[in-house]
C-alpha atoms as a PDB file:
ATOM      1  CA  MET A   1       0.000   0.000   0.000  1.00  0.00           C
ATOM      2  CA  SER A   2       1.095   3.554  -0.635  1.00  0.00           C
ATOM      3  CA  ILE A   3       0.680   6.960   0.986  1.00  0.00           C
ATOM      4  CA  ARG A   4      -2.368   7.546  -1.208  1.00  0.00           C
ATOM      5  CA  GLU A   5      -3.865   4.318   0.052  1.00  0.00           C
ATOM      6  CA  ILE A   6      -3.294   5.087   3.733  1.00  0.00           C
ATOM      7  CA  GLU A   7      -4.910   8.499   3.240  1.00  0.00           C
ATOM      8  CA  ALA A   8      -7.953   6.805   1.711  1.00  0.00           C
ATOM      9  CA  LEU A   9      -8.139   4.068   4.344  1.00  0.00           C
ATOM     10  CA  THR A  10     -11.313   3.952   6.443  1.00  0.00           C
ATOM     11  CA  LEU A  11     -10.675   3.271  10.124  1.00  0.00           C
ATOM     12  CA  ARG A  12     -13.091   2.532  12.931  1.00  0.00           C
ATOM     13  CA  LYS A  13     -13.025   4.355  16.247  1.00  0.00           C
ATOM     14  CA  GLY A  14     -10.079   3.122  18.285  1.00  0.00           C
ATOM     15  CA  GLU A  15      -8.031   2.140  15.240  1.00  0.00           C
ATOM     16  CA  LEU A  16      -4.856   3.681  13.862  1.00  0.00           C
ATOM     17  CA  ALA A  17      -2.758   3.044  10.760  1.00  0.00           C
ATOM     18  CA  PHE A  18       0.854   3.949  10.054  1.00  0.00           C
ATOM     19  CA  LEU A  19       3.426   3.790   7.287  1.00  0.00           C
ATOM     20  CA  TRP A  20       7.214   4.311   7.290  1.00  0.00           C
ATOM     21  CA  PHE A  21       8.278   5.936   4.024  1.00  0.00           C
ATOM     22  CA  ASN A  22      12.056   6.512   4.100  1.00  0.00           C
ATOM     23  CA  ASN A  23      15.222   5.205   5.758  1.00  0.00           C
ATOM     24  CA  TYR A  24      15.009   7.750   8.550  1.00  0.00           C
ATOM     25  CA  ALA A  25      12.129   8.965  10.744  1.00  0.00           C
ATOM     26  CA  GLY A  26       9.538   9.620   8.054  1.00  0.00           C
ATOM     27  CA  VAL A  27       6.205   8.283   9.259  1.00  0.00           C
ATOM     28  CA  VAL A  28       2.566   8.759   8.257  1.00  0.00           C
ATOM     29  CA  ILE A  29       0.004   8.190  11.012  1.00  0.00           C
ATOM     30  CA  LYS A  30      -3.688   7.922  10.188  1.00  0.00           C
ATOM     31  CA  SER A  31      -6.499   8.125  12.738  1.00  0.00           C
ATOM     32  CA  PRO A  32     -10.182   7.759  11.832  1.00  0.00           C
ATOM     33  CA  THR A  33     -10.409  11.484  11.017  1.00  0.00           C
ATOM     34  CA  MET A  34      -6.946  12.861  10.233  1.00  0.00           C
ATOM     35  CA  VAL A  35      -3.477  12.289   8.789  1.00  0.00           C
ATOM     36  CA  ILE A  36      -0.227  13.250  10.541  1.00  0.00           C
ATOM     37  CA  VAL A  37       3.160  13.293   8.774  1.00  0.00           C
ATOM     38  CA  VAL A  38       6.455  13.329  10.666  1.00  0.00           C
ATOM     39  CA  ASP A  39       9.745  14.510   9.116  1.00  0.00           C
ATOM     40  CA  PRO A  40       8.812  14.308   5.420  1.00  0.00           C
ATOM     41  CA  VAL A  41      12.037  13.971   3.432  1.00  0.00           C
ATOM     42  CA  GLU A  42      12.906  11.770   0.442  1.00  0.00           C
ATOM     43  CA  VAL A  43       9.232  11.464  -0.437  1.00  0.00           C
ATOM     44  CA  ASP A  44       7.105  12.831  -3.269  1.00  0.00           C
ATOM     45  CA  PRO A  45       5.054  15.634  -1.699  1.00  0.00           C
ATOM     46  CA  GLU A  46       2.500  15.485  -4.494  1.00  0.00           C
ATOM     47  CA  VAL A  47       1.091  12.205  -3.125  1.00  0.00           C
ATOM     48  CA  PHE A  48      -0.163  13.928   0.035  1.00  0.00           C
ATOM     49  CA  THR A  49      -3.681  15.351  -0.223  1.00  0.00           C
ATOM     50  CA  LYS A  50      -5.325  15.076   3.219  1.00  0.00           C
ATOM     51  CA  VAL A  51      -2.648  16.048   5.757  1.00  0.00           C
ATOM     52  CA  LYS A  52      -3.859  17.675   8.974  1.00  0.00           C
ATOM     53  CA  VAL A  53      -0.515  18.118  10.750  1.00  0.00           C
ATOM     54  CA  ILE A  54       3.175  18.007   9.835  1.00  0.00           C
ATOM     55  CA  LEU A  55       5.674  17.500  12.658  1.00  0.00           C
ATOM     56  CA  ILE A  56       9.361  18.374  12.306  1.00  0.00           C
ATOM     57  CA  THR A  57      11.746  17.021  14.941  1.00  0.00           C
ATOM     58  CA  HIS A  58      14.959  18.880  14.040  1.00  0.00           C
ATOM     59  CA  GLU A  59      16.869  20.686  11.327  1.00  0.00           C
ATOM     60  CA  HIS A  60      19.067  17.943   9.821  1.00  0.00           C
ATOM     61  CA  TYR A  61      18.794  17.078   6.124  1.00  0.00           C
ATOM     62  CA  ASP A  62      17.221  13.689   6.795  1.00  0.00           C
ATOM     63  CA  HIS A  63      14.390  15.271   8.813  1.00  0.00           C
ATOM     64  CA  LEU A  64      13.688  18.694   7.310  1.00  0.00           C
ATOM     65  CA  ASP A  65      13.137  19.536   3.653  1.00  0.00           C
ATOM     66  CA  GLU A  66      11.516  22.951   3.403  1.00  0.00           C
ATOM     67  CA  SER A  67      10.442  22.443  -0.206  1.00  0.00           C
ATOM     68  CA  ILE A  68       8.515  19.286   0.659  1.00  0.00           C
ATOM     69  CA  VAL A  69       6.818  20.985   3.607  1.00  0.00           C
ATOM     70  CA  GLU A  70       5.978  23.948   1.366  1.00  0.00           C
ATOM     71  CA  THR A  71       4.330  21.719  -1.253  1.00  0.00           C
ATOM     72  CA  ILE A  72       2.294  19.714   1.261  1.00  0.00           C
ATOM     73  CA  TYR A  73       1.221  22.879   3.067  1.00  0.00           C
ATOM     74  CA  ALA A  74       0.217  24.609  -0.174  1.00  0.00           C
ATOM     75  CA  LYS A  75      -2.029  21.668  -1.071  1.00  0.00           C
ATOM     76  CA  THR A  76      -3.576  20.957   2.332  1.00  0.00           C
ATOM     77  CA  LYS A  77      -3.214  24.110   4.499  1.00  0.00           C
ATOM     78  CA  CYS A  78      -2.182  21.797   7.331  1.00  0.00           C
ATOM     79  CA  THR A  79      -0.812  22.866  10.704  1.00  0.00           C
ATOM     80  CA  VAL A  80       2.992  22.611  10.924  1.00  0.00           C
ATOM     81  CA  ILE A  81       4.679  22.109  14.310  1.00  0.00           C
ATOM     82  CA  SER A  82       8.456  22.296  14.355  1.00  0.00           C
ATOM     83  CA  ASP A  83      11.401  22.422  16.698  1.00  0.00           C
ATOM     84  CA  PRO A  84      12.716  25.967  17.414  1.00  0.00           C
ATOM     85  CA  THR A  85      15.704  25.733  15.042  1.00  0.00           C
ATOM     86  CA  SER A  86      13.609  24.585  12.076  1.00  0.00           C
ATOM     87  CA  PHE A  87      10.888  27.140  12.842  1.00  0.00           C
ATOM     88  CA  PRO A  88      12.496  30.196  11.156  1.00  0.00           C
ATOM     89  CA  ARG A  89      13.442  28.115   8.116  1.00  0.00           C
ATOM     90  CA  LEU A  90       9.754  27.322   7.631  1.00  0.00           C
ATOM     91  CA  SER A  91       8.419  30.825   8.240  1.00  0.00           C
ATOM     92  CA  ASP A  92       8.735  31.731   4.562  1.00  0.00           C
ATOM     93  CA  VAL A  93       6.780  28.704   3.345  1.00  0.00           C
ATOM     94  CA  VAL A  94       4.032  28.322   5.975  1.00  0.00           C
ATOM     95  CA  SER A  95       1.658  31.103   7.009  1.00  0.00           C
ATOM     96  CA  PRO A  96       2.121  32.396  10.592  1.00  0.00           C
ATOM     97  CA  GLU A  97      -1.289  31.213  11.784  1.00  0.00           C
ATOM     98  CA  LYS A  98      -0.462  27.637  10.755  1.00  0.00           C
ATOM     99  CA  LEU A  99       3.150  27.428  11.972  1.00  0.00           C
ATOM    100  CA  ILE A 100       3.704  26.509  15.626  1.00  0.00           C
ATOM    101  CA  GLU A 101       7.024  26.366  17.463  1.00  0.00           C
ATOM    102  CA  ALA A 102       7.337  23.204  19.541  1.00  0.00           C
ATOM    103  CA  LYS A 103       8.061  23.836  23.201  1.00  0.00           C
ATOM    104  CA  VAL A 104       9.029  20.883  25.361  1.00  0.00           C
ATOM    105  CA  GLY A 105       6.234  19.977  27.754  1.00  0.00           C
ATOM    106  CA  GLU A 106       3.635  22.267  26.157  1.00  0.00           C
ATOM    107  CA  ALA A 107       0.872  20.317  24.427  1.00  0.00           C
ATOM    108  CA  VAL A 108      -0.794  21.558  21.250  1.00  0.00           C
ATOM    109  CA  ASP A 109      -4.381  20.601  20.395  1.00  0.00           C
ATOM    110  CA  VAL A 110      -5.410  20.341  16.736  1.00  0.00           C
ATOM    111  CA  ASP A 111      -9.092  19.429  16.401  1.00  0.00           C
ATOM    112  CA  GLY A 112      -8.883  16.826  19.164  1.00  0.00           C
ATOM    113  CA  LEU A 113      -5.418  15.575  18.247  1.00  0.00           C
ATOM    114  CA  THR A 114      -2.879  16.249  21.008  1.00  0.00           C
ATOM    115  CA  ILE A 115       0.774  16.840  20.143  1.00  0.00           C
ATOM    116  CA  ARG A 116       3.155  17.004  23.085  1.00  0.00           C
ATOM    117  CA  PRO A 117       6.810  17.851  22.311  1.00  0.00           C
ATOM    118  CA  GLU A 118       9.343  16.233  24.620  1.00  0.00           C
ATOM    119  CA  TYR A 119      13.109  16.376  25.053  1.00  0.00           C
ATOM    120  CA  SER A 120      15.378  14.614  22.540  1.00  0.00           C
ATOM    121  CA  ASN A 121      18.846  13.324  23.382  1.00  0.00           C
ATOM    122  CA  HIS A 122      20.437  13.994  19.988  1.00  0.00           C
ATOM    123  CA  PRO A 123      23.511  16.188  20.608  1.00  0.00           C
ATOM    124  CA  PRO A 124      24.365  16.940  16.945  1.00  0.00           C
ATOM    125  CA  ALA A 125      21.069  18.839  16.539  1.00  0.00           C
ATOM    126  CA  THR A 126      20.509  22.295  18.013  1.00  0.00           C
ATOM    127  CA  THR A 127      17.006  22.067  19.513  1.00  0.00           C
ATOM    128  CA  PRO A 128      15.664  18.593  18.677  1.00  0.00           C
ATOM    129  CA  VAL A 129      12.396  17.275  20.063  1.00  0.00           C
ATOM    130  CA  THR A 130      10.527  14.004  20.265  1.00  0.00           C
ATOM    131  CA  TYR A 131       6.734  13.911  19.968  1.00  0.00           C
ATOM    132  CA  LEU A 132       3.923  12.231  21.864  1.00  0.00           C
ATOM    133  CA  ILE A 133       0.990  12.033  19.455  1.00  0.00           C
ATOM    134  CA  THR A 134      -2.404  11.200  20.962  1.00  0.00           C
ATOM    135  CA  THR A 135      -5.289  10.671  18.555  1.00  0.00           C
ATOM    136  CA  GLU A 136      -8.858  11.798  19.114  1.00  0.00           C
ATOM    137  CA  ASP A 137      -9.556   8.219  20.287  1.00  0.00           C
ATOM    138  CA  GLY A 138      -6.788   8.241  22.883  1.00  0.00           C
ATOM    139  CA  ILE A 139      -4.170   6.109  21.094  1.00  0.00           C
ATOM    140  CA  THR A 140      -0.693   7.465  21.864  1.00  0.00           C
ATOM    141  CA  VAL A 141       2.343   7.142  19.607  1.00  0.00           C
ATOM    142  CA  TYR A 142       5.807   8.164  20.824  1.00  0.00           C
ATOM    143  CA  HIS A 143       7.984   9.279  17.907  1.00  0.00           C
ATOM    144  CA  THR A 144      11.526   9.391  19.274  1.00  0.00           C
ATOM    145  CA  SER A 145      13.149  11.086  16.280  1.00  0.00           C
ATOM    146  CA  ASP A 146      16.940  10.404  16.421  1.00  0.00           C
ATOM    147  CA  SER A 147      17.070  10.329  20.193  1.00  0.00           C
ATOM    148  CA  LEU A 148      19.349   8.253  22.322  1.00  0.00           C
ATOM    149  CA  PRO A 149      17.788   6.948  25.538  1.00  0.00           C
ATOM    150  CA  PHE A 150      17.450   9.394  28.434  1.00  0.00           C
ATOM    151  CA  SER A 151      16.273   8.821  31.986  1.00  0.00           C
ATOM    152  CA  ASP A 152      13.043  10.830  31.697  1.00  0.00           C
ATOM    153  CA  MET A 153      11.810   8.418  29.039  1.00  0.00           C
ATOM    154  CA  ARG A 154      10.789   6.245  31.965  1.00  0.00           C
ATOM    155  CA  LYS A 155       8.606   9.082  33.306  1.00  0.00           C
ATOM    156  CA  ILE A 156       7.169   9.680  29.843  1.00  0.00           C
ATOM    157  CA  GLY A 157       6.231   6.021  29.613  1.00  0.00           C
ATOM    158  CA  GLN A 158       4.704   5.949  33.079  1.00  0.00           C
ATOM    159  CA  GLN A 159       2.705   9.144  32.629  1.00  0.00           C
ATOM    160  CA  TYR A 160       1.487   8.821  29.037  1.00  0.00           C
ATOM    161  CA  LYS A 161       1.600   5.036  28.536  1.00  0.00           C
ATOM    162  CA  PRO A 162       2.310   5.050  24.776  1.00  0.00           C
ATOM    163  CA  ASP A 163       0.665   2.347  22.742  1.00  0.00           C
ATOM    164  CA  ILE A 164       3.400   2.528  20.086  1.00  0.00           C
ATOM    165  CA  ALA A 165       7.012   3.726  20.220  1.00  0.00           C
ATOM    166  CA  PHE A 166       9.236   4.219  17.191  1.00  0.00           C
ATOM    167  CA  CYS A 167      12.800   3.463  18.349  1.00  0.00           C
ATOM    168  CA  THR A 168      15.895   4.693  16.504  1.00  0.00           C
ATOM    169  CA  ILE A 169      18.408   1.884  15.879  1.00  0.00           C
ATOM    170  CA  GLY A 170      21.097   3.485  13.724  1.00  0.00           C
ATOM    171  CA  ILE A 171      22.472   6.170  11.380  1.00  0.00           C
ATOM    172  CA  ALA A 172      22.346   8.931  14.019  1.00  0.00           C
ATOM    173  CA  PRO A 173      25.582   9.195  16.043  1.00  0.00           C
ATOM    174  CA  GLY A 174      25.690   6.811  18.986  1.00  0.00           C
ATOM    175  CA  THR A 175      22.469   4.999  18.111  1.00  0.00           C
ATOM    176  CA  SER A 176      22.290   1.237  17.692  1.00  0.00           C
ATOM    177  CA  PRO A 177      19.877  -1.648  18.154  1.00  0.00           C
ATOM    178  CA  LYS A 178      20.992  -1.698  21.808  1.00  0.00           C
ATOM    179  CA  THR A 179      20.099   1.972  22.396  1.00  0.00           C
ATOM    180  CA  GLY A 180      16.821   1.456  20.547  1.00  0.00           C
ATOM    181  CA  ALA A 181      15.979  -1.484  22.783  1.00  0.00           C
ATOM    182  CA  GLU A 182      16.861   0.621  25.817  1.00  0.00           C
ATOM    183  CA  ILE A 183      14.298   3.218  24.685  1.00  0.00           C
ATOM    184  CA  ALA A 184      11.640   0.516  24.512  1.00  0.00           C
ATOM    185  CA  LYS A 185      12.612  -0.783  27.955  1.00  0.00           C
ATOM    186  CA  LEU A 186      12.329   2.714  29.439  1.00  0.00           C
ATOM    187  CA  VAL A 187       9.063   3.683  27.724  1.00  0.00           C
ATOM    188  CA  GLN A 188       7.375   0.258  27.955  1.00  0.00           C
ATOM    189  CA  PRO A 189       5.017   0.692  24.980  1.00  0.00           C
ATOM    190  CA  LYS A 190       2.579  -1.996  23.994  1.00  0.00           C
ATOM    191  CA  LEU A 191       4.304  -2.123  20.585  1.00  0.00           C
ATOM    192  CA  ALA A 192       7.948  -1.212  19.824  1.00  0.00           C
ATOM    193  CA  ILE A 193       8.942  -0.485  16.224  1.00  0.00           C
ATOM    194  CA  PRO A 194      12.610  -0.200  15.180  1.00  0.00           C
ATOM    195  CA  TYR A 195      13.323   2.442  12.525  1.00  0.00           C
ATOM    196  CA  HIS A 196      16.039   4.856  11.364  1.00  0.00           C
ATOM    197  CA  GLY A 197      18.435   1.994  10.668  1.00  0.00           C
ATOM    198  CA  THR A 198      18.722  -1.476   9.202  1.00  0.00           C
ATOM    199  CA  LYS A 199      19.714  -3.848  12.013  1.00  0.00           C
ATOM    200  CA  THR A 200      16.151  -4.654  12.977  1.00  0.00           C
ATOM    201  CA  ASP A 201      16.837  -8.319  13.694  1.00  0.00           C
ATOM    202  CA  GLU A 202      19.382  -7.367  16.359  1.00  0.00           C
ATOM    203  CA  PHE A 203      16.871  -4.996  17.958  1.00  0.00           C
ATOM    204  CA  VAL A 204      14.287  -7.782  18.096  1.00  0.00           C
ATOM    205  CA  ARG A 205      16.825 -10.233  19.547  1.00  0.00           C
ATOM    206  CA  ILE A 206      17.875  -7.830  22.312  1.00  0.00           C
ATOM    207  CA  LEU A 207      14.364  -6.747  23.229  1.00  0.00           C
ATOM    208  CA  SER A 208      12.955 -10.273  23.148  1.00  0.00           C
ATOM    209  CA  LYS A 209      15.632 -11.332  25.611  1.00  0.00           C
ATOM    210  CA  GLU A 210      15.617  -8.284  27.910  1.00  0.00           C
ATOM    211  CA  ALA A 211      11.932  -7.239  27.783  1.00  0.00           C
ATOM    212  CA  PRO A 212       9.917 -10.161  26.426  1.00  0.00           C
ATOM    213  CA  THR A 213       6.578  -8.642  27.425  1.00  0.00           C
ATOM    214  CA  ILE A 214       6.979  -5.807  24.885  1.00  0.00           C
ATOM    215  CA  ARG A 215       5.672  -6.732  21.468  1.00  0.00           C
ATOM    216  CA  CYS A 216       8.009  -5.980  18.523  1.00  0.00           C
ATOM    217  CA  LEU A 217       7.064  -5.232  14.948  1.00  0.00           C
ATOM    218  CA  VAL A 218       9.604  -4.949  12.128  1.00  0.00           C
ATOM    219  CA  VAL A 219       7.962  -2.802   9.470  1.00  0.00           C
ATOM    220  CA  GLN A 220       8.692  -2.670   5.756  1.00  0.00           C
ATOM    221  CA  LYS A 221       8.931   0.676   4.010  1.00  0.00           C
ATOM    222  CA  ASP A 222       5.815   1.893   2.193  1.00  0.00           C
ATOM    223  CA  ARG A 223       3.610  -0.777   3.721  1.00  0.00           C
ATOM    224  CA  VAL A 224       0.547   0.155   5.776  1.00  0.00           C
ATOM    225  CA  TYR A 225       0.053  -1.375   9.229  1.00  0.00           C
ATOM    226  CA  LYS A 226      -2.994  -1.144  11.462  1.00  0.00           C
ATOM    227  CA  TYR A 227      -3.173  -0.968  15.255  1.00  0.00           C
ATOM    228  CA  PRO A 228      -4.324  -2.631  17.408  1.00  0.00           C
END
């Protein structure tokens, strides 16, 4: 299935669908009433037609492409929430009333969708964030961007109880299947998904041994998955 197909997908209350579309942190999340896109790079922006929110985690080339954001925004007039460093780079392509600067710990409501920016442990970036995304039905996804584990992830997991966590396993400095598994162990989601890297089998092996109660799902690019 493609991005067009996930946009057209009909979901019942309490369902969610998602698709990973590049080698990095690019994810589409679909609830019964809206579409959220995180870090759209290396993707054809023309395929997006129903986007409600774009989330940008930080300014690096594999997470921010202003021209792609500009095209999606021009077509959909979606809300764009970005980390503080990316914010000024987007101010020329997104109208002020639709561009929101992410502030750690300050939730943003978009028509019943709750976006909560959290800290990101990714030292090469200037002001990176992770995002807790809670749908109108109460399903929570934790998008960890390029983050390494950090101690407050345990508090995030305990307080917000994410259903799904996307866990970085490579490419970004210092990240590995081991650090990705540590994120899952701290957050304790119902479902842990390795991304931003290729060594998914090692992630599954580590997590299955060290936290066997957490379900793992290795996703294929450009394939749609439904939850629960």
